[in-house]
Protein backbone atom coordinates (compact mmCIF):
# COMPACT_ATOMS: atom_id res chain seq x y z
CA MET A 1 0.00 0.00 0.00
CA ASN A 2 1.45 3.37 -0.97
CA PHE A 3 0.62 6.79 0.33
CA TYR A 4 -2.07 7.40 -2.26
CA ASP A 5 -3.94 4.24 -1.27
CA ILE A 6 -4.65 5.58 2.22
CA ASN A 7 -8.12 7.10 2.37
CA ILE A 8 -9.55 9.63 4.77
CA THR A 9 -11.39 6.98 6.79
CA GLU A 10 -8.17 5.12 7.57
CA ILE A 11 -6.45 8.32 8.65
CA VAL A 12 -9.35 9.21 10.95
CA GLN A 13 -9.40 5.66 12.35
CA ASN A 14 -5.71 5.93 13.25
CA ILE A 15 -6.25 9.29 14.91
CA ASP A 16 -9.21 7.90 16.87
CA ALA A 17 -7.17 4.86 18.00
CA TYR A 18 -4.28 7.01 19.25
CA THR A 19 -6.70 9.39 20.97
CA GLU A 20 -8.43 6.52 22.78
CA LEU A 21 -5.07 5.10 23.87
CA PHE A 22 -3.98 8.50 25.20
CA LEU A 23 -7.20 9.01 27.12
CA ASN A 24 -7.08 5.55 28.65
CA ASN A 25 -3.46 6.02 29.77
CA LEU A 26 -4.43 9.10 31.78
CA GLY A 27 -6.50 6.91 34.08
CA ILE A 28 -8.32 8.21 37.13
CA TRP A 29 -6.20 11.36 37.42
CA GLY A 30 -7.18 12.44 33.95
CA ALA A 31 -10.82 11.89 34.88
CA ILE A 32 -10.51 13.96 38.07
CA ILE A 33 -8.83 16.78 36.19
CA SER A 34 -11.56 16.58 33.55
CA CYS A 35 -14.25 17.01 36.24
CA LEU A 36 -12.61 20.19 37.46
CA LEU A 37 -12.10 21.51 33.95
CA ILE A 38 -15.75 20.86 33.05
CA VAL A 39 -16.76 23.06 36.00
CA ILE A 40 -14.26 25.75 34.99
CA GLU A 41 -15.33 25.57 31.34
CA SER A 42 -18.66 27.14 32.25
CA MET A 43 -16.73 30.32 33.01
CA LEU A 44 -13.77 29.96 30.62
CA PRO A 45 -15.07 29.07 27.13
CA ILE A 46 -11.57 28.48 25.72
CA LEU A 47 -11.53 24.99 27.24
CA PRO A 48 -12.68 22.05 25.02
CA LEU A 49 -15.69 20.65 26.87
CA CYS A 50 -16.22 17.81 24.39
CA VAL A 51 -12.73 16.43 25.13
CA PHE A 52 -13.31 16.34 28.90
CA ILE A 53 -16.69 14.66 28.52
CA THR A 54 -15.19 12.07 26.17
CA LEU A 55 -12.46 11.31 28.71
CA LEU A 56 -15.00 10.71 31.46
CA PHE A 57 -17.03 8.42 29.17
CA TYR A 58 -13.92 6.41 28.36
CA THR A 59 -12.82 6.21 32.00
CA PHE A 60 -16.11 5.49 33.78
CA GLY A 61 -18.23 4.05 30.99
CA ASN A 62 -21.32 5.49 29.33
CA ILE A 63 -23.59 5.52 32.39
CA PHE A 64 -21.29 6.82 35.13
CA GLY A 65 -19.37 8.98 32.66
CA PHE A 66 -22.63 10.61 31.65
CA ILE A 67 -23.80 11.19 35.23
CA ILE A 68 -20.46 12.68 36.34
CA SER A 69 -20.18 14.90 33.27
CA TRP A 70 -23.78 16.06 33.67
CA LEU A 71 -23.42 16.92 37.36
CA CYS A 72 -20.10 18.73 36.82
CA THR A 73 -21.56 20.75 33.96
CA VAL A 74 -24.62 21.75 35.99
CA LEU A 75 -22.41 22.66 38.95
CA GLY A 76 -20.21 24.87 36.78
CA CYS A 77 -23.23 26.64 35.28
CA MET A 78 -24.77 27.30 38.68
CA LEU A 79 -21.49 28.64 40.09
CA SER A 80 -21.13 31.00 37.14
CA PHE A 81 -24.78 32.07 37.39
CA THR A 82 -24.50 32.69 41.15
CA LEU A 83 -21.30 34.71 40.76
CA PHE A 84 -22.85 37.11 38.26
CA ARG A 85 -26.18 37.27 40.09
CA THR A 86 -24.71 38.11 43.51
CA LYS A 87 -21.51 40.02 42.69
CA ILE A 88 -21.91 41.71 39.32
CA LYS A 89 -25.63 42.20 38.57
CA ASN A 90 -26.09 45.39 40.61
CA TRP A 91 -22.91 46.95 39.23
CA PHE A 92 -23.93 46.01 35.70
CA GLU A 93 -27.34 47.63 36.06
CA ARG A 94 -25.86 50.85 37.42
CA ARG A 95 -23.14 51.11 34.79
CA MET A 96 -24.91 49.87 31.66
CA ILE A 97 -28.60 50.53 31.91
CA ASN A 98 -28.05 54.27 32.39
CA LYS A 99 -25.81 54.66 29.33
CA LYS A 100 -26.79 55.28 25.71
CA THR A 101 -26.77 51.56 25.07
CA GLY A 102 -29.22 51.07 27.91
CA ARG A 103 -32.19 50.41 25.65
CA GLU A 104 -30.42 47.69 23.71
CA VAL A 105 -29.14 46.06 26.89
CA LYS A 106 -32.58 46.25 28.45
CA LYS A 107 -34.10 44.51 25.41
CA ILE A 108 -31.69 41.62 25.79
CA MET A 109 -32.36 41.36 29.51
CA ASP A 110 -36.12 41.48 28.91
CA PHE A 111 -35.81 38.63 26.40
CA ILE A 112 -33.95 36.50 28.94
CA ASP A 113 -36.36 37.42 31.71
CA ASN A 114 -39.30 36.24 29.62
CA ILE A 115 -37.77 33.15 28.01
CA SER A 116 -39.85 30.05 28.62
CA LEU A 117 -38.51 27.00 30.39
CA SER A 118 -38.79 25.09 27.11
CA GLY A 119 -36.85 27.77 25.26
CA LEU A 120 -34.13 27.78 27.90
CA ALA A 121 -33.86 23.97 27.91
CA ILE A 122 -33.55 23.82 24.13
CA LEU A 123 -31.02 26.67 24.08
CA VAL A 124 -28.87 24.84 26.63
CA ALA A 125 -29.33 21.46 24.91
CA ILE A 126 -27.81 22.69 21.64
CA PRO A 127 -24.20 21.41 21.79
CA PHE A 128 -22.70 24.52 20.22
CA THR A 129 -24.40 27.03 22.50
CA PRO A 130 -21.70 28.85 24.54
CA ALA A 131 -22.56 27.92 28.13
CA PHE A 132 -20.63 30.83 29.62
CA ALA A 133 -22.71 33.35 27.64
CA VAL A 134 -25.98 31.79 28.79
CA ASN A 135 -24.79 31.69 32.41
CA ILE A 136 -23.67 35.33 32.35
CA ALA A 137 -26.84 36.57 30.67
CA ALA A 138 -29.04 34.62 33.08
CA GLY A 139 -27.06 35.85 36.08
CA LEU A 140 -27.43 39.47 34.99
CA SER A 141 -31.14 39.09 34.25
CA ASN A 142 -34.07 38.61 36.61
CA ILE A 143 -34.81 35.03 35.61
CA PRO A 144 -35.70 33.02 38.74
CA ARG A 145 -32.89 30.84 40.06
CA LYS A 146 -35.20 27.80 40.26
CA LYS A 147 -36.27 28.21 36.63
CA PHE A 148 -32.66 28.54 35.46
CA PHE A 149 -31.60 25.51 37.50
CA ILE A 150 -34.34 23.26 36.12
CA GLY A 151 -33.66 24.47 32.57
CA ILE A 152 -29.98 23.65 33.01
CA LEU A 153 -30.76 20.23 34.49
CA ILE A 154 -32.90 19.30 31.51
CA GLY A 155 -30.85 20.86 28.72
CA LYS A 156 -27.45 19.68 29.89
CA MET A 157 -28.59 16.06 29.97
CA PHE A 158 -28.95 16.05 26.21
CA MET A 159 -25.89 18.19 25.56
CA VAL A 160 -23.66 15.87 27.61
CA TYR A 161 -25.10 12.77 25.94
CA PHE A 162 -24.48 14.29 22.51
CA TRP A 163 -20.82 15.10 23.16
CA GLY A 164 -20.25 11.76 24.86
CA TYR A 165 -21.80 9.95 21.92
CA ILE A 166 -19.80 11.94 19.37
CA GLY A 167 -16.57 11.44 21.31
CA THR A 168 -16.89 7.68 21.74
CA THR A 169 -18.27 6.94 18.25
CA PHE A 170 -16.28 9.47 16.26
CA ILE A 171 -15.62 7.17 13.31
CA GLU A 172 -19.25 6.11 12.96
CA CYS A 173 -20.41 9.72 13.02
CA LEU A 174 -18.02 10.62 10.19
CA THR A 175 -18.68 7.56 8.05
CA HIS A 176 -22.44 7.58 8.72
CA PRO A 177 -23.47 11.26 9.03
CA ILE A 178 -27.10 10.23 9.50
CA TYR A 179 -26.20 9.54 13.14
CA LEU A 180 -25.98 13.28 13.63
CA VAL A 181 -29.74 13.43 13.15
CA ARG A 182 -29.87 12.28 16.77
CA ILE A 183 -29.27 15.85 17.86
CA LEU A 184 -32.70 16.75 16.49
CA VAL A 185 -34.26 13.93 18.47
CA LEU A 186 -32.47 15.14 21.61
CA LEU A 187 -33.79 18.67 21.12
CA VAL A 188 -37.35 17.39 20.70
CA MET A 189 -36.99 15.31 23.86
CA ALA A 190 -35.64 18.34 25.76
CA TYR A 191 -38.65 20.35 24.61
CA ILE A 192 -41.17 17.69 25.66
CA ILE A 193 -39.58 17.12 29.08
CA SER A 194 -39.37 20.87 29.75
CA LYS A 195 -43.07 21.21 28.92
CA ILE A 196 -43.97 18.44 31.34
CA VAL A 197 -41.79 19.87 34.11
CA ASN A 198 -43.11 23.38 33.52
CA LYS A 199 -46.70 22.14 33.75
CA TYR A 200 -45.90 20.60 37.12
CA PHE A 201 -43.88 23.48 38.63
CA LYS A 202 -45.62 26.33 36.73
CA LEU A 203 -42.37 28.23 36.19
CA ASP A 204 -43.40 30.33 33.18
């Protein structure tokens, strides 16, 4: 076999094999570090969340890896939300709302204040939604803490599952793109669950 006989699939398979070997060699310490970095990622978007979730799935398996990743993600979001709600919100309102850009800022805050639980859950469930931006905006708004928490609980379940699935079945997702349709199913499920929860708690 010469160089020109190597196709893209084989190259990706080799990369995936080396990545899996590297992640497995990190062991429990890599998993612990990943837990901390998942929490920090909610405030520092430069960190690759999908890599940390994949590591936890490889280390603890699909079930425990999912649970740990989900709880760490929710914890990070709530810490970020609480920080901006308690320490920065008042300063932000004094400094920004009174300036020329106050109307535009107020429109954004009003949108967040009035977002439904279903809308919040779907927004959070989308894998490419920047979590730090949602956490900051929610912390600076008047959205109830309970509503934000439940929305995060629901949405992050599907986001974590998506990244864990992509990370552990990378080859299949590239060679069979139809698997990516699952993200649409996850969003629909997030919407349905949020509607049921909202009907019970009456958060909107």
